[in-house]
């Protein structure tokens, strides 16, 4: 599982500080915080289950964390995908204008 903006690590790290994954009890440890893009977490498993995760944004964005996000992790038929879209309208000073809007888009 990973999180990226257009497969560009520098762009991803510009906006996201960390991603914390909360795995089902069969995995140890069950909570893992990743601080480097693409925020990749790799484990061996089977079947499908829901992984919860929290996204912490870089301080300059002044965005609150997105907590309790969910992704259905599926190891069958090449898996499932989920997209979370962060829409940012930047002008000269994003921190001054606070012109930031979050949207969530899910796809199979």
Protein backbone atom coordinates (compact mmCIF):
# COMPACT_ATOMS: atom_id res chain seq x y z
CA UNK A 1 0.00 0.00 0.00
CA UNK A 2 1.33 3.48 -0.79
CA UNK A 3 0.37 7.11 -1.25
CA UNK A 4 1.69 9.33 -4.02
CA UNK A 5 0.92 12.38 -6.14
CA UNK A 6 1.50 11.33 -9.77
CA UNK A 7 4.34 9.01 -8.71
CA UNK A 8 6.46 12.04 -7.78
CA UNK A 9 8.06 11.67 -4.36
CA UNK A 10 9.14 15.33 -4.09
CA UNK A 11 5.64 16.59 -4.87
CA UNK A 12 4.10 14.06 -2.48
CA UNK A 13 6.42 15.10 0.36
CA UNK A 14 5.65 18.75 -0.33
CA UNK A 15 2.09 18.19 0.93
CA UNK A 16 2.15 15.01 3.05
CA UNK A 17 4.27 14.67 6.19
CA UNK A 18 3.35 11.11 7.17
CA UNK A 19 0.87 8.28 6.72
CA UNK A 20 -0.03 6.03 9.66
CA UNK A 21 -1.46 2.63 8.78
CA UNK A 22 -3.66 0.66 11.19
CA UNK A 23 -3.56 -3.01 10.26
CA UNK A 24 -5.85 -5.84 11.36
CA UNK A 25 -4.78 -7.75 14.50
CA UNK A 26 -3.17 -10.59 12.51
CA UNK A 27 -0.23 -8.29 11.70
CA UNK A 28 2.43 -7.17 14.16
CA UNK A 29 2.86 -4.33 14.75
CA UNK A 30 -0.68 -3.24 13.99
CA UNK A 31 0.15 0.50 13.75
CA UNK A 32 2.94 1.70 11.46
CA UNK A 33 3.86 5.32 10.73
CA UNK A 34 5.69 6.01 7.45
CA UNK A 35 7.49 9.35 7.09
CA UNK A 36 8.91 9.15 3.56
CA UNK A 37 7.21 9.26 0.16
CA UNK A 38 5.74 7.21 -1.40
CA UNK A 39 4.66 6.17 2.13
CA UNK A 40 4.96 2.53 1.14
CA UNK A 41 3.89 -0.26 3.47
CA UNK A 42 4.50 -3.80 2.28
CA UNK A 43 3.32 -6.98 4.05
CA UNK A 44 2.50 -10.53 2.99
CA UNK A 45 -1.16 -11.52 3.27
CA UNK A 46 -4.07 -13.22 1.55
CA UNK A 47 -7.75 -12.61 0.85
CA UNK A 48 -9.04 -9.12 1.53
CA UNK A 49 -9.52 -6.82 4.51
CA UNK A 50 -9.86 -3.14 5.31
CA UNK A 51 -6.81 -1.09 6.22
CA UNK A 52 -7.40 2.18 8.06
CA UNK A 53 -4.92 5.01 7.66
CA UNK A 54 -4.37 8.60 8.75
CA UNK A 55 -2.72 11.29 6.62
CA UNK A 56 -0.76 14.08 8.31
CA UNK A 57 -0.14 17.07 6.05
CA UNK A 58 2.90 19.32 6.09
CA UNK A 59 2.54 22.16 8.65
CA UNK A 60 2.62 24.91 5.99
CA UNK A 61 -0.66 23.63 4.50
CA UNK A 62 -2.46 24.25 7.81
CA UNK A 63 -4.67 21.27 6.92
CA UNK A 64 -5.96 19.05 9.71
CA UNK A 65 -5.07 15.35 9.54
CA UNK A 66 -7.39 13.07 7.60
CA UNK A 67 -8.09 10.35 10.13
CA UNK A 68 -9.92 7.07 9.76
CA UNK A 69 -9.50 6.80 6.00
CA UNK A 70 -10.12 3.28 4.74
CA UNK A 71 -8.90 1.12 1.89
CA UNK A 72 -10.11 -2.38 1.07
CA UNK A 73 -6.90 -4.29 0.53
CA UNK A 74 -7.46 -7.17 -1.90
CA UNK A 75 -4.87 -9.70 -3.04
CA UNK A 76 -7.17 -11.28 -5.64
CA UNK A 77 -7.55 -10.33 -9.32
CA UNK A 78 -4.64 -7.86 -9.20
CA UNK A 79 -6.20 -6.01 -6.25
CA UNK A 80 -8.40 -2.96 -5.88
CA UNK A 81 -7.43 0.70 -6.02
CA UNK A 82 -8.62 3.74 -4.14
CA UNK A 83 -7.87 7.36 -4.91
CA UNK A 84 -7.95 10.23 -2.48
CA UNK A 85 -7.86 13.51 -4.32
CA UNK A 86 -6.34 16.59 -2.73
CA UNK A 87 -7.34 19.67 -4.66
CA UNK A 88 -5.17 22.70 -3.94
CA UNK A 89 -5.75 26.12 -5.46
CA UNK A 90 -2.45 27.92 -5.02
CA UNK A 91 -1.99 31.63 -5.45
CA UNK A 92 0.98 33.69 -4.29
CA UNK A 93 0.71 32.64 -0.64
CA UNK A 94 -1.29 29.52 0.15
CA UNK A 95 -0.79 29.83 3.90
CA UNK A 96 -2.18 33.38 3.84
CA UNK A 97 -5.20 32.75 1.65
CA UNK A 98 -6.12 29.34 3.08
CA UNK A 99 -7.64 28.57 -0.29
CA UNK A 100 -7.52 24.80 0.16
CA UNK A 101 -10.29 22.33 -0.53
CA UNK A 102 -10.28 18.60 0.15
CA UNK A 103 -12.29 16.11 -1.86
CA UNK A 104 -12.50 12.36 -1.63
CA UNK A 105 -12.93 10.14 -4.66
CA UNK A 106 -13.18 6.39 -4.49
CA UNK A 107 -12.87 4.05 -7.42
CA UNK A 108 -12.71 0.27 -7.89
